[in-house]
């Protein structure tokens, strides 16, 4: 739960859209309830259209090799 909250807080600081997708489902990454509705045991894809090193460093904590 803490990791999800930290991720959503980081996404909320972005001035651009951040989406999480799994199969055909797309969720706004700035929505705590939306993120919690996903199956967090699956590999999810995060999409955003800005190059933001701070946010990318935060994403690295959750990346799967």
N, C-alpha and C. Protein backbone atom coordinates (compact mmCIF):
# COMPACT_ATOMS: atom_id res chain seq x y z
N UNK A 1 0.82 -1.20 0.00
CA UNK A 1 0.00 0.00 0.00
C UNK A 1 0.86 1.26 0.00
N UNK A 2 1.95 1.26 0.79
CA UNK A 2 2.81 2.43 0.83
C UNK A 2 3.47 2.70 -0.51
N UNK A 3 3.87 1.64 -1.20
CA UNK A 3 4.50 1.81 -2.52
C UNK A 3 3.51 2.39 -3.52
N UNK A 4 2.27 1.94 -3.48
CA UNK A 4 1.24 2.47 -4.39
C UNK A 4 1.00 3.94 -4.08
N UNK A 5 0.89 4.27 -2.82
CA UNK A 5 0.66 5.67 -2.42
C UNK A 5 1.82 6.56 -2.88
N UNK A 6 3.05 6.09 -2.71
CA UNK A 6 4.23 6.85 -3.14
C UNK A 6 4.23 7.05 -4.66
N UNK A 7 3.89 5.99 -5.39
CA UNK A 7 3.84 6.09 -6.85
C UNK A 7 2.80 7.11 -7.29
N UNK A 8 1.60 7.03 -6.73
CA UNK A 8 0.53 7.95 -7.11
C UNK A 8 0.91 9.39 -6.77
N UNK A 9 1.51 9.60 -5.63
CA UNK A 9 1.96 10.95 -5.25
C UNK A 9 2.98 11.48 -6.25
N UNK A 10 3.89 10.64 -6.69
CA UNK A 10 4.88 11.06 -7.68
C UNK A 10 4.20 11.40 -9.01
N UNK A 11 3.23 10.59 -9.41
CA UNK A 11 2.50 10.86 -10.65
C UNK A 11 1.72 12.17 -10.55
N UNK A 12 1.17 12.46 -9.37
CA UNK A 12 0.40 13.69 -9.18
C UNK A 12 1.26 14.94 -9.34
N UNK A 13 2.55 14.84 -9.14
CA UNK A 13 3.41 16.01 -9.28
C UNK A 13 3.69 16.34 -10.74
N UNK A 14 3.37 15.44 -11.65
CA UNK A 14 3.63 15.64 -13.07
C UNK A 14 2.57 16.56 -13.67
N UNK A 15 3.01 17.47 -14.54
CA UNK A 15 2.10 18.39 -15.22
C UNK A 15 1.51 17.80 -16.49
N UNK A 16 1.70 16.54 -16.71
CA UNK A 16 1.26 15.85 -17.91
C UNK A 16 0.54 14.58 -17.50
N UNK A 17 -0.11 13.94 -18.46
CA UNK A 17 -0.85 12.70 -18.19
C UNK A 17 0.12 11.55 -17.94
N UNK A 18 -0.22 10.73 -16.97
CA UNK A 18 0.52 9.50 -16.69
C UNK A 18 -0.54 8.40 -16.62
N UNK A 19 -0.38 7.39 -17.47
CA UNK A 19 -1.34 6.29 -17.52
C UNK A 19 -0.65 4.97 -17.21
N UNK A 20 -1.42 4.07 -16.62
CA UNK A 20 -0.97 2.70 -16.39
C UNK A 20 -1.89 1.79 -17.20
N UNK A 21 -1.29 0.86 -17.92
CA UNK A 21 -2.13 -0.03 -18.73
C UNK A 21 -1.74 -1.48 -18.48
N UNK A 22 -2.76 -2.31 -18.65
CA UNK A 22 -2.60 -3.76 -18.60
C UNK A 22 -3.63 -4.32 -19.58
N UNK A 23 -3.14 -5.05 -20.57
CA UNK A 23 -4.00 -5.51 -21.67
C UNK A 23 -4.70 -4.30 -22.28
N UNK A 24 -6.01 -4.25 -22.26
CA UNK A 24 -6.73 -3.13 -22.87
C UNK A 24 -7.25 -2.14 -21.83
N UNK A 25 -6.94 -2.36 -20.57
CA UNK A 25 -7.39 -1.47 -19.51
C UNK A 25 -6.35 -0.36 -19.31
N UNK A 26 -6.81 0.90 -19.29
CA UNK A 26 -5.93 2.05 -19.07
C UNK A 26 -6.48 2.82 -17.87
N UNK A 27 -5.61 3.11 -16.91
CA UNK A 27 -5.99 3.79 -15.67
C UNK A 27 -5.14 5.05 -15.52
N UNK A 28 -5.73 6.11 -15.02
CA UNK A 28 -5.01 7.33 -14.70
C UNK A 28 -4.12 7.05 -13.49
N UNK A 29 -2.82 7.21 -13.65
CA UNK A 29 -1.87 6.90 -12.58
C UNK A 29 -1.98 7.87 -11.41
N UNK A 30 -2.71 8.96 -11.59
CA UNK A 30 -2.88 9.94 -10.52
C UNK A 30 -4.07 9.60 -9.63
N UNK A 31 -4.74 8.50 -9.93
CA UNK A 31 -5.91 8.06 -9.18
C UNK A 31 -5.54 6.88 -8.28
N UNK A 32 -5.52 7.11 -6.98
CA UNK A 32 -5.19 6.04 -6.05
C UNK A 32 -6.18 4.89 -6.18
N UNK A 33 -7.46 5.18 -6.24
CA UNK A 33 -8.47 4.13 -6.36
C UNK A 33 -8.31 3.38 -7.69
N UNK A 34 -7.99 4.12 -8.75
CA UNK A 34 -7.79 3.48 -10.05
C UNK A 34 -6.62 2.51 -10.03
N UNK A 35 -5.51 2.95 -9.46
CA UNK A 35 -4.32 2.10 -9.39
C UNK A 35 -4.59 0.88 -8.52
N UNK A 36 -5.29 1.08 -7.41
CA UNK A 36 -5.60 -0.05 -6.53
C UNK A 36 -6.57 -1.03 -7.17
N UNK A 37 -7.31 -0.60 -8.19
CA UNK A 37 -8.24 -1.51 -8.86
C UNK A 37 -7.52 -2.48 -9.80
N UNK A 38 -6.25 -2.22 -10.08
CA UNK A 38 -5.48 -3.09 -10.96
C UNK A 38 -4.95 -4.30 -10.19
N UNK A 39 -4.64 -5.35 -10.91
CA UNK A 39 -3.98 -6.52 -10.32
C UNK A 39 -2.49 -6.20 -10.27
N UNK A 40 -2.02 -5.78 -9.12
CA UNK A 40 -0.65 -5.32 -8.97
C UNK A 40 0.37 -6.44 -8.97
N UNK A 41 -0.09 -7.68 -9.11
CA UNK A 41 0.85 -8.80 -9.24
C UNK A 41 1.24 -9.00 -10.70
N UNK A 42 0.56 -8.31 -11.62
CA UNK A 42 0.85 -8.42 -13.06
C UNK A 42 1.86 -7.35 -13.47
N UNK A 43 2.49 -7.56 -14.60
CA UNK A 43 3.39 -6.56 -15.16
C UNK A 43 2.55 -5.48 -15.82
N UNK A 44 2.69 -4.25 -15.36
CA UNK A 44 1.92 -3.11 -15.85
C UNK A 44 2.83 -2.20 -16.66
N UNK A 45 2.23 -1.43 -17.56
CA UNK A 45 2.99 -0.49 -18.39
C UNK A 45 2.60 0.93 -18.00
N UNK A 46 3.60 1.77 -17.77
CA UNK A 46 3.38 3.18 -17.45
C UNK A 46 3.75 4.00 -18.67
N UNK A 47 2.83 4.87 -19.09
CA UNK A 47 3.06 5.71 -20.27
C UNK A 47 2.91 7.18 -19.89
N UNK A 48 3.86 7.97 -20.36
CA UNK A 48 3.79 9.42 -20.18
C UNK A 48 4.57 10.05 -21.33
N UNK A 49 4.27 11.30 -21.64
CA UNK A 49 4.80 11.89 -22.87
C UNK A 49 5.85 12.98 -22.64
N UNK A 50 6.32 13.14 -21.45
CA UNK A 50 7.36 14.12 -21.15
C UNK A 50 8.62 13.38 -20.71
N UNK A 51 9.76 13.99 -20.95
CA UNK A 51 10.99 13.42 -20.42
C UNK A 51 11.27 14.09 -19.08
N UNK A 52 11.03 13.36 -18.02
CA UNK A 52 11.13 13.88 -16.66
C UNK A 52 12.04 12.95 -15.87
N UNK A 53 13.28 13.36 -15.69
CA UNK A 53 14.26 12.50 -15.02
C UNK A 53 13.86 12.16 -13.59
N UNK A 54 13.26 13.10 -12.88
CA UNK A 54 12.83 12.84 -11.51
C UNK A 54 11.79 11.72 -11.48
N UNK A 55 10.77 11.81 -12.32
CA UNK A 55 9.73 10.78 -12.36
C UNK A 55 10.29 9.45 -12.86
N UNK A 56 11.19 9.51 -13.83
CA UNK A 56 11.79 8.28 -14.34
C UNK A 56 12.62 7.58 -13.25
N UNK A 57 13.28 8.35 -12.40
CA UNK A 57 14.02 7.75 -11.28
C UNK A 57 13.08 7.07 -10.29
N UNK A 58 11.93 7.65 -10.07
CA UNK A 58 10.93 7.03 -9.19
C UNK A 58 10.42 5.74 -9.81
N UNK A 59 10.19 5.75 -11.12
CA UNK A 59 9.72 4.55 -11.81
C UNK A 59 10.74 3.41 -11.73
N UNK A 60 12.01 3.75 -11.69
CA UNK A 60 13.04 2.72 -11.61
C UNK A 60 12.88 1.83 -10.38
N UNK A 61 12.32 2.37 -9.29
CA UNK A 61 12.10 1.57 -8.08
C UNK A 61 11.12 0.43 -8.32
N UNK A 62 10.22 0.61 -9.30
CA UNK A 62 9.16 -0.36 -9.53
C UNK A 62 9.35 -1.15 -10.81
N UNK A 63 10.42 -0.87 -11.54
CA UNK A 63 10.65 -1.52 -12.84
C UNK A 63 11.00 -2.99 -12.66
N UNK A 64 10.57 -3.76 -13.63
CA UNK A 64 10.88 -5.19 -13.68
C UNK A 64 11.89 -5.38 -14.79
N UNK A 65 12.96 -6.09 -14.50
CA UNK A 65 14.01 -6.32 -15.51
C UNK A 65 13.57 -7.32 -16.52
